[in-house]
Amino acid sequence: MRIFCTNSSSPLIQATEQWLNKIHSVKTVKNFFSIENESKTLMQGTDVFIHSLSEDPDMEDHTKLDEAIRQTYALLSTCVEMGVKRFIFLGTLDTFKTYDPDYIIDEMWKPKPTTEINALTSHMSEFICKEFGREHKIDVRVLRLGEVCWEESSNSDSPLFIVDALQAIQRTVETDLISPDYIRYVPNTWNVFHIQSVVPNMRFKIIKAEDELGFSPQRLDL
């Protein structure tokens, strides 16, 4: 597959590029607006688009929010126009931080983001993704990622070890999803998955990702 990723300065995207390039062809770009005028040429033949947001600490909050919303909308519009098959947005489980930590949360729960800018931009971008997916214009998949960990130890209740993050992204890129029997005639173009590693005190259910994507995270007894 030919895969295009935004946010090339992100360590996660850099690791994703290296991982997926073993069996796919991957291009990355730092910011969509930097290639907007030539996007149709660069995106020609793209099968899957992976989008994540900048977490540049030097960017003003209002600028970060505005850019996230405009960039996500522009990307999805261009992907639809270019016939890209699948759009994957890398979101965050931080949009559920306001819930009681004793709750075990799955994809049916509604996000309750705070005004913390990274969670807010992710939530607003996810909303745009949902609108495109529900209009059946493109296969849209959101991965709400836990706290990405580069070491195999964490005190978090929603850690996501890098090996599991890369596996989840690869499974989302490669797996074709079908609609449930009761709506088989409707294209399955909108899906959200919670992605975290398995730990004793894990806060989020990942059954949907395991069942539908074949996600199989490592199980560490931390």
C-alpha atoms as a PDB file:
ATOM      1  CA  MET A   1       0.000   0.000   0.000  1.00  0.00           C
ATOM      2  CA  ARG A   2       0.984   3.623  -0.499  1.00  0.00           C
ATOM      3  CA  ILE A   3       0.688   5.518   2.762  1.00  0.00           C
ATOM      4  CA  PHE A   4       0.951   9.243   3.472  1.00  0.00           C
ATOM      5  CA  CYS A   5       1.495  10.630   6.999  1.00  0.00           C
ATOM      6  CA  THR A   6       1.374  14.123   8.464  1.00  0.00           C
ATOM      7  CA  ASN A   7       3.385  15.437  11.422  1.00  0.00           C
ATOM      8  CA  SER A   8       6.725  14.015  10.323  1.00  0.00           C
ATOM      9  CA  SER A   9       8.499  15.616  13.301  1.00  0.00           C
ATOM     10  CA  SER A  10       6.567  13.381  15.714  1.00  0.00           C
ATOM     11  CA  PRO A  11       8.606  10.491  17.171  1.00  0.00           C
ATOM     12  CA  LEU A  12       5.547   8.249  16.801  1.00  0.00           C
ATOM     13  CA  ILE A  13       5.163   9.087  13.115  1.00  0.00           C
ATOM     14  CA  GLN A  14       8.881   8.593  12.562  1.00  0.00           C
ATOM     15  CA  ALA A  15       8.651   5.157  14.174  1.00  0.00           C
ATOM     16  CA  THR A  16       5.512   4.409  12.148  1.00  0.00           C
ATOM     17  CA  GLU A  17       7.255   5.335   8.907  1.00  0.00           C
ATOM     18  CA  GLN A  18      10.194   3.076   9.701  1.00  0.00           C
ATOM     19  CA  TRP A  19       7.899   0.217  10.737  1.00  0.00           C
ATOM     20  CA  LEU A  20       5.475   0.355   7.813  1.00  0.00           C
ATOM     21  CA  ASN A  21       8.186   0.925   5.210  1.00  0.00           C
ATOM     22  CA  LYS A  22       9.218  -2.696   5.703  1.00  0.00           C
ATOM     23  CA  ILE A  23       6.194  -3.817   3.667  1.00  0.00           C
ATOM     24  CA  HIS A  24       4.544  -0.628   2.386  1.00  0.00           C
ATOM     25  CA  SER A  25       5.579   2.631   0.713  1.00  0.00           C
ATOM     26  CA  VAL A  26       5.372   5.542   3.148  1.00  0.00           C
ATOM     27  CA  LYS A  27       5.684   9.304   2.621  1.00  0.00           C
ATOM     28  CA  THR A  28       5.625  11.868   5.409  1.00  0.00           C
ATOM     29  CA  VAL A  29       5.146  15.617   5.560  1.00  0.00           C
ATOM     30  CA  LYS A  30       5.440  17.958   8.521  1.00  0.00           C
ATOM     31  CA  ASN A  31       2.331  20.029   7.863  1.00  0.00           C
ATOM     32  CA  PHE A  32      -0.348  19.755   5.194  1.00  0.00           C
ATOM     33  CA  PHE A  33      -0.404  23.504   4.599  1.00  0.00           C
ATOM     34  CA  SER A  34       3.256  23.367   3.584  1.00  0.00           C
ATOM     35  CA  ILE A  35       2.300  21.188   0.580  1.00  0.00           C
ATOM     36  CA  GLU A  36      -1.250  22.434  -0.003  1.00  0.00           C
ATOM     37  CA  ASN A  37      -0.519  23.839  -3.467  1.00  0.00           C
ATOM     38  CA  GLU A  38       1.072  20.594  -4.622  1.00  0.00           C
ATOM     39  CA  SER A  39      -0.935  18.184  -2.475  1.00  0.00           C
ATOM     40  CA  LYS A  40      -2.758  16.581  -5.405  1.00  0.00           C
ATOM     41  CA  THR A  41       0.534  15.699  -7.051  1.00  0.00           C
ATOM     42  CA  LEU A  42       2.160  14.389  -3.881  1.00  0.00           C
ATOM     43  CA  MET A  43      -0.927  12.423  -2.812  1.00  0.00           C
ATOM     44  CA  GLN A  44      -1.524  10.833  -6.201  1.00  0.00           C
ATOM     45  CA  GLY A  45      -2.022   7.092  -5.766  1.00  0.00           C
ATOM     46  CA  THR A  46      -2.229   7.227  -1.959  1.00  0.00           C
ATOM     47  CA  ASP A  47      -4.207   4.328  -0.476  1.00  0.00           C
ATOM     48  CA  VAL A  48      -4.143   5.263   3.212  1.00  0.00           C
ATOM     49  CA  PHE A  49      -3.653   8.626   4.912  1.00  0.00           C
ATOM     50  CA  ILE A  50      -2.490   8.761   8.543  1.00  0.00           C
ATOM     51  CA  HIS A  51      -3.073  12.076  10.289  1.00  0.00           C
ATOM     52  CA  SER A  52      -1.860  13.231  13.682  1.00  0.00           C
ATOM     53  CA  LEU A  53      -1.703  16.673  15.222  1.00  0.00           C
ATOM     54  CA  SER A  54       1.289  18.782  16.115  1.00  0.00           C
ATOM     55  CA  GLU A  55       1.996  19.164  19.819  1.00  0.00           C
ATOM     56  CA  ASP A  56       4.469  22.000  19.324  1.00  0.00           C
ATOM     57  CA  PRO A  57       4.828  23.585  22.797  1.00  0.00           C
ATOM     58  CA  ASP A  58       5.850  26.894  21.248  1.00  0.00           C
ATOM     59  CA  MET A  59       2.624  27.322  19.282  1.00  0.00           C
ATOM     60  CA  GLU A  60      -0.089  29.532  20.764  1.00  0.00           C
ATOM     61  CA  ASP A  61      -3.178  27.600  21.852  1.00  0.00           C
ATOM     62  CA  HIS A  62      -5.569  29.490  19.594  1.00  0.00           C
ATOM     63  CA  THR A  63      -3.258  28.938  16.625  1.00  0.00           C
ATOM     64  CA  LYS A  64      -2.939  25.246  17.412  1.00  0.00           C
ATOM     65  CA  LEU A  65      -6.724  24.820  17.608  1.00  0.00           C
ATOM     66  CA  ASP A  66      -7.364  26.773  14.411  1.00  0.00           C
ATOM     67  CA  GLU A  67      -4.677  24.895  12.508  1.00  0.00           C
ATOM     68  CA  ALA A  68      -5.881  21.499  13.739  1.00  0.00           C
ATOM     69  CA  ILE A  69      -9.458  22.120  12.627  1.00  0.00           C
ATOM     70  CA  ARG A  70      -8.579  23.633   9.255  1.00  0.00           C
ATOM     71  CA  GLN A  71      -5.891  21.061   8.515  1.00  0.00           C
ATOM     72  CA  THR A  72      -8.105  18.068   9.336  1.00  0.00           C
ATOM     73  CA  TYR A  73     -10.937  19.401   7.180  1.00  0.00           C
ATOM     74  CA  ALA A  74      -8.612  20.250   4.291  1.00  0.00           C
ATOM     75  CA  LEU A  75      -6.941  16.847   4.447  1.00  0.00           C
ATOM     76  CA  LEU A  76     -10.203  14.930   4.440  1.00  0.00           C
ATOM     77  CA  SER A  77     -11.573  17.021   1.586  1.00  0.00           C
ATOM     78  CA  THR A  78      -8.433  16.413  -0.472  1.00  0.00           C
ATOM     79  CA  CYS A  79      -8.448  12.692   0.332  1.00  0.00           C
ATOM     80  CA  VAL A  80     -12.054  12.397  -0.840  1.00  0.00           C
ATOM     81  CA  GLU A  81     -11.252  14.300  -4.026  1.00  0.00           C
ATOM     82  CA  MET A  82      -8.173  12.153  -4.692  1.00  0.00           C
ATOM     83  CA  GLY A  83      -9.968   8.875  -4.055  1.00  0.00           C
ATOM     84  CA  VAL A  84      -7.911   7.870  -1.016  1.00  0.00           C
ATOM     85  CA  LYS A  85      -9.377   4.652   0.355  1.00  0.00           C
ATOM     86  CA  ARG A  86      -8.785   5.070   4.076  1.00  0.00           C
ATOM     87  CA  PHE A  87      -8.160   7.949   6.500  1.00  0.00           C
ATOM     88  CA  ILE A  88      -6.722   7.182   9.938  1.00  0.00           C
ATOM     89  CA  PHE A  89      -6.674   9.835  12.650  1.00  0.00           C
ATOM     90  CA  LEU A  90      -4.422   9.312  15.653  1.00  0.00           C
ATOM     91  CA  GLY A  91      -6.339  10.820  18.544  1.00  0.00           C
ATOM     92  CA  THR A  92      -5.976  10.497  22.294  1.00  0.00           C
ATOM     93  CA  LEU A  93      -7.663   8.884  25.284  1.00  0.00           C
ATOM     94  CA  ASP A  94      -6.957  12.094  27.211  1.00  0.00           C
ATOM     95  CA  THR A  95     -10.419  13.305  26.181  1.00  0.00           C
ATOM     96  CA  PHE A  96     -11.799  11.031  28.928  1.00  0.00           C
ATOM     97  CA  LYS A  97      -9.629  12.334  31.773  1.00  0.00           C
ATOM     98  CA  THR A  98     -12.533  14.081  33.493  1.00  0.00           C
ATOM     99  CA  TYR A  99     -14.337  10.794  34.157  1.00  0.00           C
ATOM    100  CA  ASP A 100     -13.948   9.064  37.508  1.00  0.00           C
ATOM    101  CA  PRO A 101     -10.752   6.975  37.310  1.00  0.00           C
ATOM    102  CA  ASP A 102     -12.654   3.958  38.645  1.00  0.00           C
ATOM    103  CA  TYR A 103     -14.775   3.774  35.490  1.00  0.00           C
ATOM    104  CA  ILE A 104     -13.834   1.281  32.782  1.00  0.00           C
ATOM    105  CA  ILE A 105     -14.451   3.093  29.495  1.00  0.00           C
ATOM    106  CA  ASP A 106     -15.178   1.739  26.024  1.00  0.00           C
ATOM    107  CA  GLU A 107     -15.953   3.362  22.671  1.00  0.00           C
ATOM    108  CA  MET A 108     -19.614   3.920  23.568  1.00  0.00           C
ATOM    109  CA  TRP A 109     -18.689   6.554  26.141  1.00  0.00           C
ATOM    110  CA  LYS A 110     -18.728  10.180  25.043  1.00  0.00           C
ATOM    111  CA  PRO A 111     -15.489  12.159  25.296  1.00  0.00           C
ATOM    112  CA  LYS A 112     -15.485  14.988  27.843  1.00  0.00           C
ATOM    113  CA  PRO A 113     -12.401  17.008  26.956  1.00  0.00           C
ATOM    114  CA  THR A 114     -11.068  19.728  29.182  1.00  0.00           C
ATOM    115  CA  THR A 115      -9.694  22.994  27.862  1.00  0.00           C
ATOM    116  CA  GLU A 116      -6.203  21.435  27.778  1.00  0.00           C
ATOM    117  CA  ILE A 117      -5.224  22.258  24.230  1.00  0.00           C
ATOM    118  CA  ASN A 118      -3.940  18.908  22.970  1.00  0.00           C
ATOM    119  CA  ALA A 119      -7.037  17.048  24.143  1.00  0.00           C
ATOM    120  CA  LEU A 120      -9.304  19.790  22.790  1.00  0.00           C
ATOM    121  CA  THR A 121      -7.701  19.873  19.339  1.00  0.00           C
ATOM    122  CA  SER A 122      -7.894  16.085  19.142  1.00  0.00           C
ATOM    123  CA  HIS A 123     -11.578  16.128  20.073  1.00  0.00           C
ATOM    124  CA  MET A 124     -12.455  18.795  17.513  1.00  0.00           C
ATOM    125  CA  SER A 125     -10.510  17.015  14.776  1.00  0.00           C
ATOM    126  CA  GLU A 126     -12.240  13.761  15.640  1.00  0.00           C
ATOM    127  CA  PHE A 127     -15.609  15.503  15.255  1.00  0.00           C
ATOM    128  CA  ILE A 128     -14.668  16.518  11.708  1.00  0.00           C
ATOM    129  CA  CYS A 129     -13.582  12.949  10.971  1.00  0.00           C
ATOM    130  CA  LYS A 130     -16.951  11.677  12.168  1.00  0.00           C
ATOM    131  CA  GLU A 131     -18.863  13.962   9.826  1.00  0.00           C
ATOM    132  CA  PHE A 132     -16.915  12.741   6.794  1.00  0.00           C
ATOM    133  CA  GLY A 133     -17.177   9.109   7.859  1.00  0.00           C
ATOM    134  CA  ARG A 134     -20.910   9.253   8.460  1.00  0.00           C
ATOM    135  CA  GLU A 135     -21.448  10.744   5.025  1.00  0.00           C
ATOM    136  CA  HIS A 136     -19.735   7.611   3.611  1.00  0.00           C
ATOM    137  CA  LYS A 137     -17.316   9.752   1.599  1.00  0.00           C
ATOM    138  CA  ILE A 138     -14.250   7.866   2.841  1.00  0.00           C
ATOM    139  CA  ASP A 139     -13.389   5.056   5.257  1.00  0.00           C
ATOM    140  CA  VAL A 140     -12.504   6.990   8.421  1.00  0.00           C
ATOM    141  CA  ARG A 141     -10.942   5.346  11.459  1.00  0.00           C
ATOM    142  CA  VAL A 142      -9.967   7.036  14.694  1.00  0.00           C
ATOM    143  CA  LEU A 143      -7.456   5.466  17.040  1.00  0.00           C
ATOM    144  CA  ARG A 144      -7.735   6.998  20.494  1.00  0.00           C
ATOM    145  CA  LEU A 145      -4.255   6.277  21.761  1.00  0.00           C
ATOM    146  CA  GLY A 146      -3.139   5.856  25.342  1.00  0.00           C
ATOM    147  CA  GLU A 147       0.005   7.423  26.746  1.00  0.00           C
ATOM    148  CA  VAL A 148       2.746   6.381  24.332  1.00  0.00           C
ATOM    149  CA  CYS A 149       5.628   4.817  26.272  1.00  0.00           C
ATOM    150  CA  TRP A 150       9.069   4.176  24.846  1.00  0.00           C
ATOM    151  CA  GLU A 151      10.191   2.109  27.827  1.00  0.00           C
ATOM    152  CA  GLU A 152       8.559  -1.127  28.984  1.00  0.00           C
ATOM    153  CA  SER A 153       7.430   0.305  32.299  1.00  0.00           C
ATOM    154  CA  SER A 154       4.786   2.823  33.260  1.00  0.00           C
ATOM    155  CA  ASN A 155       2.632   3.863  36.204  1.00  0.00           C
ATOM    156  CA  SER A 156      -0.131   5.038  33.880  1.00  0.00           C
ATOM    157  CA  ASP A 157      -3.530   3.322  33.792  1.00  0.00           C
ATOM    158  CA  SER A 158      -3.585   3.780  30.009  1.00  0.00           C
ATOM    159  CA  PRO A 159      -0.031   3.194  28.767  1.00  0.00           C
ATOM    160  CA  LEU A 160       0.616   2.359  25.138  1.00  0.00           C
ATOM    161  CA  PHE A 161       3.995   0.766  24.616  1.00  0.00           C
ATOM    162  CA  ILE A 162       5.501   1.673  21.284  1.00  0.00           C
ATOM    163  CA  VAL A 163       5.450  -1.891  19.956  1.00  0.00           C
ATOM    164  CA  ASP A 164       1.688  -2.009  20.596  1.00  0.00           C
ATOM    165  CA  ALA A 165       1.153   1.421  19.046  1.00  0.00           C
ATOM    166  CA  LEU A 166       2.902   0.351  15.851  1.00  0.00           C
ATOM    167  CA  GLN A 167       0.998  -2.920  15.726  1.00  0.00           C
ATOM    168  CA  ALA A 168      -2.340  -1.112  16.167  1.00  0.00           C
ATOM    169  CA  ILE A 169      -1.539   1.360  13.395  1.00  0.00           C
ATOM    170  CA  GLN A 170      -0.457  -1.421  11.041  1.00  0.00           C
ATOM    171  CA  ARG A 171      -3.599  -3.454  11.753  1.00  0.00           C
ATOM    172  CA  THR A 172      -5.743  -0.370  11.112  1.00  0.00           C
ATOM    173  CA  VAL A 173      -3.965   0.282   7.822  1.00  0.00           C
ATOM    174  CA  GLU A 174      -4.310  -3.286   6.575  1.00  0.00           C
ATOM    175  CA  THR A 175      -7.644  -4.548   7.943  1.00  0.00           C
ATOM    176  CA  ASP A 176     -10.845  -4.320   5.906  1.00  0.00           C
ATOM    177  CA  LEU A 177     -13.884  -3.839   8.130  1.00  0.00           C
ATOM    178  CA  ILE A 178     -17.380  -5.012   7.234  1.00  0.00           C
ATOM    179  CA  SER A 179     -20.706  -3.661   8.403  1.00  0.00           C
ATOM    180  CA  PRO A 180     -22.774  -5.615  10.951  1.00  0.00           C
ATOM    181  CA  ASP A 181     -25.423  -7.915   9.465  1.00  0.00           C
ATOM    182  CA  TYR A 182     -28.297  -5.580  10.327  1.00  0.00           C
ATOM    183  CA  ILE A 183     -26.794  -2.753   8.236  1.00  0.00           C
ATOM    184  CA  ARG A 184     -24.844  -4.829   5.725  1.00  0.00           C
ATOM    185  CA  TYR A 185     -26.039  -2.642   2.855  1.00  0.00           C
ATOM    186  CA  VAL A 186     -24.433   0.477   4.395  1.00  0.00           C
ATOM    187  CA  PRO A 187     -20.671   0.989   3.912  1.00  0.00           C
ATOM    188  CA  ASN A 188     -18.745   0.724   7.175  1.00  0.00           C
ATOM    189  CA  THR A 189     -16.953   4.059   6.962  1.00  0.00           C
ATOM    190  CA  TRP A 190     -16.868   5.333  10.535  1.00  0.00           C
ATOM    191  CA  ASN A 191     -15.056   3.520  13.349  1.00  0.00           C
ATOM    192  CA  VAL A 192     -13.410   4.481  16.618  1.00  0.00           C
ATOM    193  CA  PHE A 193     -11.028   2.248  18.555  1.00  0.00           C
ATOM    194  CA  HIS A 194      -9.497   2.584  21.998  1.00  0.00           C
ATOM    195  CA  ILE A 195      -5.858   1.534  21.955  1.00  0.00           C
ATOM    196  CA  GLN A 196      -3.776   0.872  25.037  1.00  0.00           C
ATOM    197  CA  SER A 197      -1.463  -1.837  26.327  1.00  0.00           C
ATOM    198  CA  VAL A 198      -2.672  -4.461  28.779  1.00  0.00           C
ATOM    199  CA  VAL A 199      -1.790  -3.663  32.390  1.00  0.00           C
ATOM    200  CA  PRO A 200      -3.428  -4.768  35.662  1.00  0.00           C
ATOM    201  CA  ASN A 201      -5.180  -1.439  36.272  1.00  0.00           C
ATOM    202  CA  MET A 202      -6.075  -0.638  32.657  1.00  0.00           C
ATOM    203  CA  ARG A 203      -8.770   1.983  32.346  1.00  0.00           C
ATOM    204  CA  PHE A 204      -9.992   1.464  28.790  1.00  0.00           C
ATOM    205  CA  LYS A 205     -11.550  -1.547  27.128  1.00  0.00           C
ATOM    206  CA  ILE A 206      -9.832  -2.635  23.928  1.00  0.00           C
ATOM    207  CA  ILE A 207     -12.138  -5.526  23.029  1.00  0.00           C
ATOM    208  CA  LYS A 208     -13.384  -3.812  19.869  1.00  0.00           C
ATOM    209  CA  ALA A 209      -9.847  -3.323  18.545  1.00  0.00           C
ATOM    210  CA  GLU A 210      -8.963  -6.912  19.417  1.00  0.00           C
ATOM    211  CA  ASP A 211     -12.068  -8.344  17.736  1.00  0.00           C
ATOM    212  CA  GLU A 212     -12.269  -6.140  14.647  1.00  0.00           C
ATOM    213  CA  LEU A 213      -8.657  -5.192  13.957  1.00  0.00           C
ATOM    214  CA  GLY A 214      -6.918  -8.245  15.354  1.00  0.00           C
ATOM    215  CA  PHE A 215      -5.032  -6.007  17.787  1.00  0.00           C
ATOM    216  CA  SER A 216      -3.010  -8.213  20.132  1.00  0.00           C
ATOM    217  CA  PRO A 217      -1.075  -6.085  22.636  1.00  0.00           C
ATOM    218  CA  GLN A 218       1.698  -7.424  24.780  1.00  0.00           C
ATOM    219  CA  ARG A 219       0.688  -8.233  28.327  1.00  0.00           C
ATOM    220  CA  LEU A 220       3.107  -6.971  30.923  1.00  0.00           C
ATOM    221  CA  ASP A 221       2.689  -7.580  34.627  1.00  0.00           C
ATOM    222  CA  LEU A 222       3.800  -4.143  35.771  1.00  0.00           C
END
